Each structure stands twice: as C-alpha cells, then as structure tokens.
Amino acid sequence: MQTHRWKDEGESGLGFRKNDEMKAMEVLPILKEKVAYLSGGRDKRGGPILTFPARSNHDRIRQEDLRRLISYLACIP
C-alpha cells in the first residue's frame, strides 16, 4: 500500500498537517464508492484534475469522509 506525503510544512486548507501520512487503506471504503477520482488529466498549471461523477447517492457521503478523500487525492503527485 502506498503512502503519500505533502511536499511542504504547514496546515493544509483541508485540516491535515502537510507532513502527515495518509494511506489508501484509510480512505478505501470511500474510494470504492467512486465519489471522486484522479483521471490522469492536468490543468493549465499542471495540477491534477479531481473528477466527481454525477450520481444521486453522493448526498449520503459524510462530509468528513469527503474531506479525507479529497485530502488523500490532493496529495498524490
């Protein structure tokens, strides 16, 4: 299982310390829901594009789970 680290010190806007490790196992249930994923695309600045498919079951996702998922996906290089 891979672990990804933030690149610099400080507090992220999503509530995690940037040097904290987050493993895929910590967000595996929400990853399996396919709420959001990295498609491999990049924006004009080179940043990863997070994709959120339109589905009706996303309203049942807890806000904390969504925050953790976005934090995890955002730290993958």
Protein backbone atom coordinates (compact mmCIF):
# COMPACT_ATOMS: atom_id res chain seq x y z
CA MET A 1 0.00 0.00 0.00
CA GLN A 2 1.41 3.36 -0.98
CA THR A 3 1.75 6.32 1.34
CA HIS A 4 1.87 9.85 0.02
CA ARG A 5 3.34 12.86 1.80
CA TRP A 6 2.68 16.56 1.39
CA LYS A 7 5.61 18.49 -0.04
CA ASP A 8 5.91 21.36 2.45
CA GLU A 9 5.29 22.31 6.06
CA GLY A 10 2.18 23.95 7.44
CA GLU A 11 -1.52 23.38 7.66
CA SER A 12 -3.42 22.43 4.54
CA GLY A 13 -6.72 24.13 3.82
CA LEU A 14 -8.41 20.78 4.43
CA GLY A 15 -7.37 20.34 8.05
CA PHE A 16 -4.42 17.95 7.77
CA ARG A 17 -0.85 18.73 8.68
CA LYS A 18 1.04 18.63 5.41
CA ASN A 19 3.67 16.21 6.71
CA ASP A 20 1.11 13.71 7.99
CA GLU A 21 0.97 10.46 6.07
CA MET A 22 -2.32 9.22 4.74
CA LYS A 23 -2.65 5.71 3.40
CA ALA A 24 -5.15 4.45 0.84
CA MET A 25 -6.44 1.98 3.43
CA GLU A 26 -7.67 4.94 5.48
CA VAL A 27 -9.98 6.04 2.67
CA LEU A 28 -10.54 2.69 0.93
CA PRO A 29 -14.30 2.47 1.64
CA ILE A 30 -14.92 5.91 0.17
CA LEU A 31 -12.55 5.19 -2.73
CA LYS A 32 -14.69 2.14 -3.55
CA GLU A 33 -17.77 4.38 -3.69
CA LYS A 34 -16.14 6.17 -6.65
CA VAL A 35 -17.23 9.55 -5.31
CA ALA A 36 -14.12 11.19 -6.77
CA TYR A 37 -11.04 10.02 -8.59
CA LEU A 38 -7.95 11.22 -10.42
CA SER A 39 -8.50 10.76 -14.15
CA GLY A 40 -4.87 11.50 -15.04
CA GLY A 41 -5.69 14.88 -16.57
CA ARG A 42 -3.86 18.08 -15.60
CA ASP A 43 -4.97 21.72 -15.52
CA LYS A 44 -3.09 24.57 -17.23
CA ARG A 45 -0.80 24.92 -14.19
CA GLY A 46 -0.02 21.20 -14.19
CA GLY A 47 -2.17 20.36 -11.19
CA PRO A 48 -4.18 17.13 -11.10
CA ILE A 49 -7.86 17.22 -12.04
CA LEU A 50 -10.20 15.64 -9.49
CA THR A 51 -13.30 14.18 -11.14
CA PHE A 52 -16.64 13.96 -9.31
CA PRO A 53 -19.09 11.83 -11.33
CA ALA A 54 -22.73 12.97 -11.24
CA ARG A 55 -24.62 10.40 -9.15
CA SER A 56 -27.59 10.62 -6.85
CA ASN A 57 -26.02 8.64 -3.97
CA HIS A 58 -23.33 11.23 -3.21
CA ASP A 59 -25.62 13.07 -0.82
CA ARG A 60 -25.23 10.14 1.61
CA ILE A 61 -21.46 10.61 1.90
CA ARG A 62 -20.43 12.08 5.24
CA GLN A 63 -18.73 15.46 4.99
CA GLU A 64 -15.74 14.17 6.99
CA ASP A 65 -15.30 11.22 4.60
CA LEU A 66 -15.42 13.53 1.60
CA ARG A 67 -12.85 15.84 3.20
CA ARG A 68 -10.50 12.92 3.87
CA LEU A 69 -10.91 11.59 0.32
CA ILE A 70 -10.14 14.97 -1.26
CA SER A 71 -7.16 15.40 1.05
CA TYR A 72 -5.84 11.98 0.07
CA LEU A 73 -6.31 12.52 -3.67
CA ALA A 74 -4.81 16.01 -3.50
CA CYS A 75 -1.56 14.72 -2.01
CA ILE A 76 -0.88 12.15 -4.75
CA PRO A 77 1.86 13.51 -7.04
